[in-house]
N, C-alpha and C. Protein backbone atom coordinates (compact mmCIF):
# COMPACT_ATOMS: atom_id res chain seq x y z
N MET A 1 -121.42 -91.68 168.24
CA MET A 1 -121.32 -92.66 168.80
C MET A 1 -120.69 -92.81 170.25
N THR A 2 -121.70 -93.14 171.52
CA THR A 2 -121.82 -92.48 172.85
C THR A 2 -120.64 -93.73 173.50
N LYS A 3 -119.37 -92.33 173.86
CA LYS A 3 -118.10 -94.10 174.65
C LYS A 3 -119.16 -93.48 176.46
N GLU A 4 -118.50 -94.63 176.30
CA GLU A 4 -118.50 -96.07 177.79
C GLU A 4 -118.07 -94.67 179.17
N PRO A 5 -118.50 -94.57 180.30
CA PRO A 5 -116.88 -94.58 180.96
C PRO A 5 -116.17 -95.46 181.87
N THR A 6 -115.53 -95.11 181.39
CA THR A 6 -113.74 -96.47 181.17
C THR A 6 -113.59 -96.77 183.01
N PHE A 7 -113.44 -95.37 183.85
CA PHE A 7 -113.30 -95.00 184.92
C PHE A 7 -114.07 -94.88 186.76
N LYS A 8 -114.08 -95.74 187.10
CA LYS A 8 -114.91 -95.18 188.69
C LYS A 8 -114.69 -94.24 189.12
N VAL A 9 -115.19 -94.21 189.95
CA VAL A 9 -114.90 -93.22 191.36
C VAL A 9 -114.14 -93.67 192.13
N GLY A 10 -113.26 -93.08 192.25
CA GLY A 10 -111.88 -93.50 193.08
C GLY A 10 -110.32 -94.06 192.39
N ASP A 11 -110.59 -94.35 191.32
CA ASP A 11 -109.15 -94.33 190.95
C ASP A 11 -108.41 -93.91 190.20
N ASP A 12 -107.05 -94.38 190.55
CA ASP A 12 -105.94 -93.28 190.20
C ASP A 12 -105.98 -92.81 188.33
N VAL A 13 -105.44 -92.32 188.70
CA VAL A 13 -105.40 -91.87 187.09
C VAL A 13 -104.29 -91.13 186.77
N PHE A 14 -103.89 -90.27 185.54
CA PHE A 14 -102.11 -89.40 185.07
C PHE A 14 -103.17 -89.29 183.72
N LYS A 15 -103.11 -87.71 184.09
CA LYS A 15 -103.37 -86.65 182.88
C LYS A 15 -101.97 -86.47 181.72
N LEU A 16 -102.55 -87.29 180.72
CA LEU A 16 -101.25 -87.30 179.39
C LEU A 16 -101.71 -85.46 178.74
N ASN A 17 -100.79 -85.10 179.27
CA ASN A 17 -100.40 -83.51 178.35
C ASN A 17 -99.77 -83.62 177.30
N HIS A 18 -100.19 -82.43 176.19
CA HIS A 18 -100.31 -81.93 174.98
C HIS A 18 -98.31 -81.54 174.82
N PRO A 19 -97.67 -81.17 174.26
CA PRO A 19 -96.22 -81.25 174.29
C PRO A 19 -96.62 -79.17 174.75
N SER A 20 -97.20 -78.89 173.97
CA SER A 20 -96.88 -77.51 174.04
C SER A 20 -97.48 -76.72 175.37
N SER A 21 -98.29 -77.46 176.02
CA SER A 21 -98.72 -77.90 177.28
C SER A 21 -97.30 -76.70 178.77
N LYS A 22 -98.00 -76.07 179.60
CA LYS A 22 -97.27 -75.44 180.41
C LYS A 22 -97.08 -77.11 182.12
N TYR A 23 -97.49 -77.51 181.26
CA TYR A 23 -97.21 -78.62 182.42
C TYR A 23 -96.10 -80.00 181.71
N THR A 24 -94.81 -79.52 182.33
CA THR A 24 -94.21 -80.69 181.75
C THR A 24 -94.44 -82.12 182.14
N GLY A 25 -94.56 -82.69 182.55
CA GLY A 25 -94.58 -84.47 182.99
C GLY A 25 -96.28 -84.59 183.11
N ASN A 26 -97.26 -85.92 183.43
CA ASN A 26 -98.16 -85.99 183.97
C ASN A 26 -98.15 -86.01 184.47
N ARG A 27 -99.63 -85.07 184.96
CA ARG A 27 -100.03 -85.28 186.34
C ARG A 27 -100.81 -85.82 187.02
N ARG A 28 -100.55 -86.99 188.10
CA ARG A 28 -101.52 -87.74 188.52
C ARG A 28 -101.92 -87.09 190.00
N GLY A 29 -103.95 -87.87 189.89
CA GLY A 29 -105.35 -87.19 190.96
C GLY A 29 -105.32 -88.69 191.09
N LYS A 30 -106.95 -89.23 191.24
CA LYS A 30 -107.92 -89.46 191.51
C LYS A 30 -109.03 -89.18 191.31
N ILE A 31 -109.81 -90.54 190.83
CA ILE A 31 -111.03 -89.70 190.21
C ILE A 31 -112.46 -89.39 191.14
N VAL A 32 -113.33 -88.29 191.51
CA VAL A 32 -113.87 -87.27 192.35
C VAL A 32 -115.02 -87.84 191.94
N LYS A 33 -115.14 -87.49 191.25
CA LYS A 33 -117.05 -87.48 190.05
C LYS A 33 -116.80 -87.99 188.40
N TYR A 34 -117.75 -88.95 188.03
CA TYR A 34 -118.38 -89.03 186.66
C TYR A 34 -119.19 -87.74 186.57
N GLN A 35 -118.84 -86.89 185.02
CA GLN A 35 -120.46 -85.65 184.86
C GLN A 35 -120.34 -85.81 182.87
N PRO A 36 -120.98 -86.55 182.29
CA PRO A 36 -121.53 -86.60 180.89
C PRO A 36 -122.09 -85.33 181.28
N GLN A 37 -121.05 -84.92 179.62
CA GLN A 37 -121.80 -83.90 178.53
C GLN A 37 -122.21 -83.22 176.70
N TYR A 38 -122.60 -82.65 176.96
CA TYR A 38 -123.30 -83.40 175.60
C TYR A 38 -121.84 -82.60 174.98
N ASN A 39 -121.60 -83.07 173.41
CA ASN A 39 -120.74 -81.23 172.65
C ASN A 39 -122.22 -80.75 171.55
N ARG A 40 -120.85 -80.04 170.58
CA ARG A 40 -121.30 -79.55 170.22
C ARG A 40 -122.52 -80.54 169.36
N ALA A 41 -122.82 -81.39 168.75
CA ALA A 41 -123.54 -82.62 168.23
C ALA A 41 -123.67 -83.35 168.67
N LYS A 42 -124.92 -82.70 170.04
CA LYS A 42 -125.42 -82.99 170.48
C LYS A 42 -125.04 -84.93 171.13
N ARG A 43 -123.97 -85.75 170.98
CA ARG A 43 -122.98 -86.75 171.74
C ARG A 43 -123.40 -86.93 172.73
N LEU A 44 -123.05 -87.98 173.78
CA LEU A 44 -122.77 -87.33 175.30
C LEU A 44 -121.40 -87.65 175.74
N GLN A 45 -120.88 -87.08 176.35
CA GLN A 45 -119.47 -87.63 176.32
C GLN A 45 -119.15 -87.44 177.59
N PRO A 46 -117.76 -88.48 177.90
CA PRO A 46 -117.79 -88.64 179.33
C PRO A 46 -116.59 -87.92 179.93
N TYR A 47 -117.18 -86.95 181.10
CA TYR A 47 -115.59 -85.56 181.09
C TYR A 47 -115.81 -86.87 183.28
N TYR A 48 -114.72 -85.88 183.45
CA TYR A 48 -114.83 -86.54 185.40
C TYR A 48 -113.84 -85.39 185.97
N SER A 49 -114.10 -85.78 186.81
CA SER A 49 -113.80 -84.42 187.65
C SER A 49 -112.98 -84.96 188.55
N VAL A 50 -111.17 -84.32 188.07
CA VAL A 50 -110.14 -85.48 188.96
C VAL A 50 -109.11 -84.38 189.76
N LEU A 51 -109.50 -85.23 190.85
CA LEU A 51 -108.08 -83.94 192.31
C LEU A 51 -107.03 -84.30 191.85
N PHE A 52 -106.50 -83.19 191.95
CA PHE A 52 -105.06 -84.23 191.28
C PHE A 52 -103.78 -83.51 192.56
N ASP A 53 -102.31 -83.88 192.46
CA ASP A 53 -102.63 -84.12 193.31
C ASP A 53 -100.91 -82.98 193.78
N GLY A 54 -101.49 -82.95 195.27
CA GLY A 54 -100.96 -80.83 195.42
C GLY A 54 -101.96 -80.28 195.18
N ARG A 55 -103.75 -80.69 194.33
CA ARG A 55 -104.24 -79.38 194.26
C ARG A 55 -105.47 -79.62 195.16
N GLY A 56 -105.63 -78.55 195.42
CA GLY A 56 -106.84 -78.73 196.37
C GLY A 56 -108.55 -78.91 195.71
N THR A 57 -108.35 -78.05 194.70
CA THR A 57 -110.43 -77.63 193.77
C THR A 57 -110.05 -78.80 192.16
N PRO A 58 -110.96 -80.09 192.31
CA PRO A 58 -110.37 -80.70 191.57
C PRO A 58 -110.97 -80.26 189.96
N GLU A 59 -109.96 -80.92 188.79
CA GLU A 59 -111.08 -80.17 187.85
C GLU A 59 -111.12 -81.12 186.75
N LEU A 60 -111.86 -80.80 185.73
CA LEU A 60 -112.83 -81.68 184.54
C LEU A 60 -111.76 -81.11 183.33
N ILE A 61 -111.61 -83.05 184.30
CA ILE A 61 -110.91 -83.19 182.07
C ILE A 61 -111.75 -84.71 181.16
N ALA A 62 -111.72 -84.80 179.91
CA ALA A 62 -111.50 -85.46 179.63
C ALA A 62 -111.86 -86.53 178.93
N GLN A 63 -112.27 -88.05 178.96
CA GLN A 63 -111.98 -89.73 179.55
C GLN A 63 -111.04 -89.54 178.54
N LYS A 64 -110.78 -89.57 177.44
CA LYS A 64 -110.14 -89.19 176.46
C LYS A 64 -107.94 -89.15 176.99
N SER A 65 -108.44 -87.96 177.82
CA SER A 65 -106.84 -87.52 178.13
C SER A 65 -106.35 -87.82 179.53
N LEU A 66 -107.35 -89.48 179.71
CA LEU A 66 -106.49 -89.74 180.75
C LEU A 66 -106.55 -91.01 180.67
N ARG A 67 -105.49 -91.67 181.13
CA ARG A 67 -104.79 -92.74 181.57
C ARG A 67 -105.02 -93.48 183.10
N LEU A 68 -105.30 -95.21 183.21
CA LEU A 68 -105.69 -95.64 184.59
C LEU A 68 -103.88 -96.11 185.48
N ILE A 69 -103.22 -96.01 186.56
CA ILE A 69 -102.51 -96.23 186.72
C ILE A 69 -102.72 -97.78 187.09
N PRO A 70 -101.55 -98.75 187.55
CA PRO A 70 -101.83 -100.16 186.95
C PRO A 70 -101.89 -100.00 188.67
N ARG A 71 -102.88 -100.48 189.27
CA ARG A 71 -102.31 -101.52 190.51
C ARG A 71 -101.04 -102.40 190.81
N THR A 72 -100.09 -101.67 191.64
CA THR A 72 -99.71 -102.51 192.11
C THR A 72 -100.19 -104.05 192.66
N PRO A 73 -99.40 -105.31 192.65
CA PRO A 73 -99.83 -106.02 193.05
C PRO A 73 -100.07 -106.53 195.39
N ALA A 74 -99.15 -105.77 195.97
CA ALA A 74 -99.29 -105.58 196.93
C ALA A 74 -100.52 -104.67 197.30
N GLU A 75 -101.21 -103.58 196.06
CA GLU A 75 -102.31 -102.50 196.80
C GLU A 75 -103.43 -103.99 196.57
N THR A 76 -103.11 -104.61 196.11
CA THR A 76 -104.89 -106.04 195.48
C THR A 76 -104.89 -106.52 196.24
N ILE A 77 -103.89 -106.75 197.52
CA ILE A 77 -104.49 -108.00 198.09
C ILE A 77 -104.84 -107.76 199.82
N THR A 78 -106.05 -108.57 199.89
CA THR A 78 -106.85 -107.99 200.72
C THR A 78 -106.69 -109.12 201.49
N THR A 79 -107.10 -108.74 203.35
CA THR A 79 -107.28 -109.57 204.12
C THR A 79 -108.15 -109.51 205.47
N LYS A 80 -109.02 -110.99 205.50
CA LYS A 80 -109.86 -111.21 205.79
C LYS A 80 -109.83 -111.05 207.38
N SER A 81 -109.66 -110.94 207.82
CA SER A 81 -109.97 -110.98 209.84
C SER A 81 -110.64 -111.20 210.81
C-alpha cells in the first residue's frame, strides 16, 4: 500500500521522538522538500526534508514520525488591500 503525502512544502510540523532518543522534547520545523523513496519491499514511502528550528541543514524524516502543527486563527486570517 502506497501512502499519499499528507504535508505540503512550507507546513509547520513537529517530530515525535522515541523515548530513548537523545532529544528530550519534540522538535519543531518546516517542510522544505517532499522526497518519496522506495523501501526494501519496493514500495514507495513518503519522506520529507525538514528544517528544524535552530539547525542549518534539513534532515530527511519519514512521514510517520511527523505531525502537523495546527495554525492559530490569527495566522489563517488574510486581509485584502
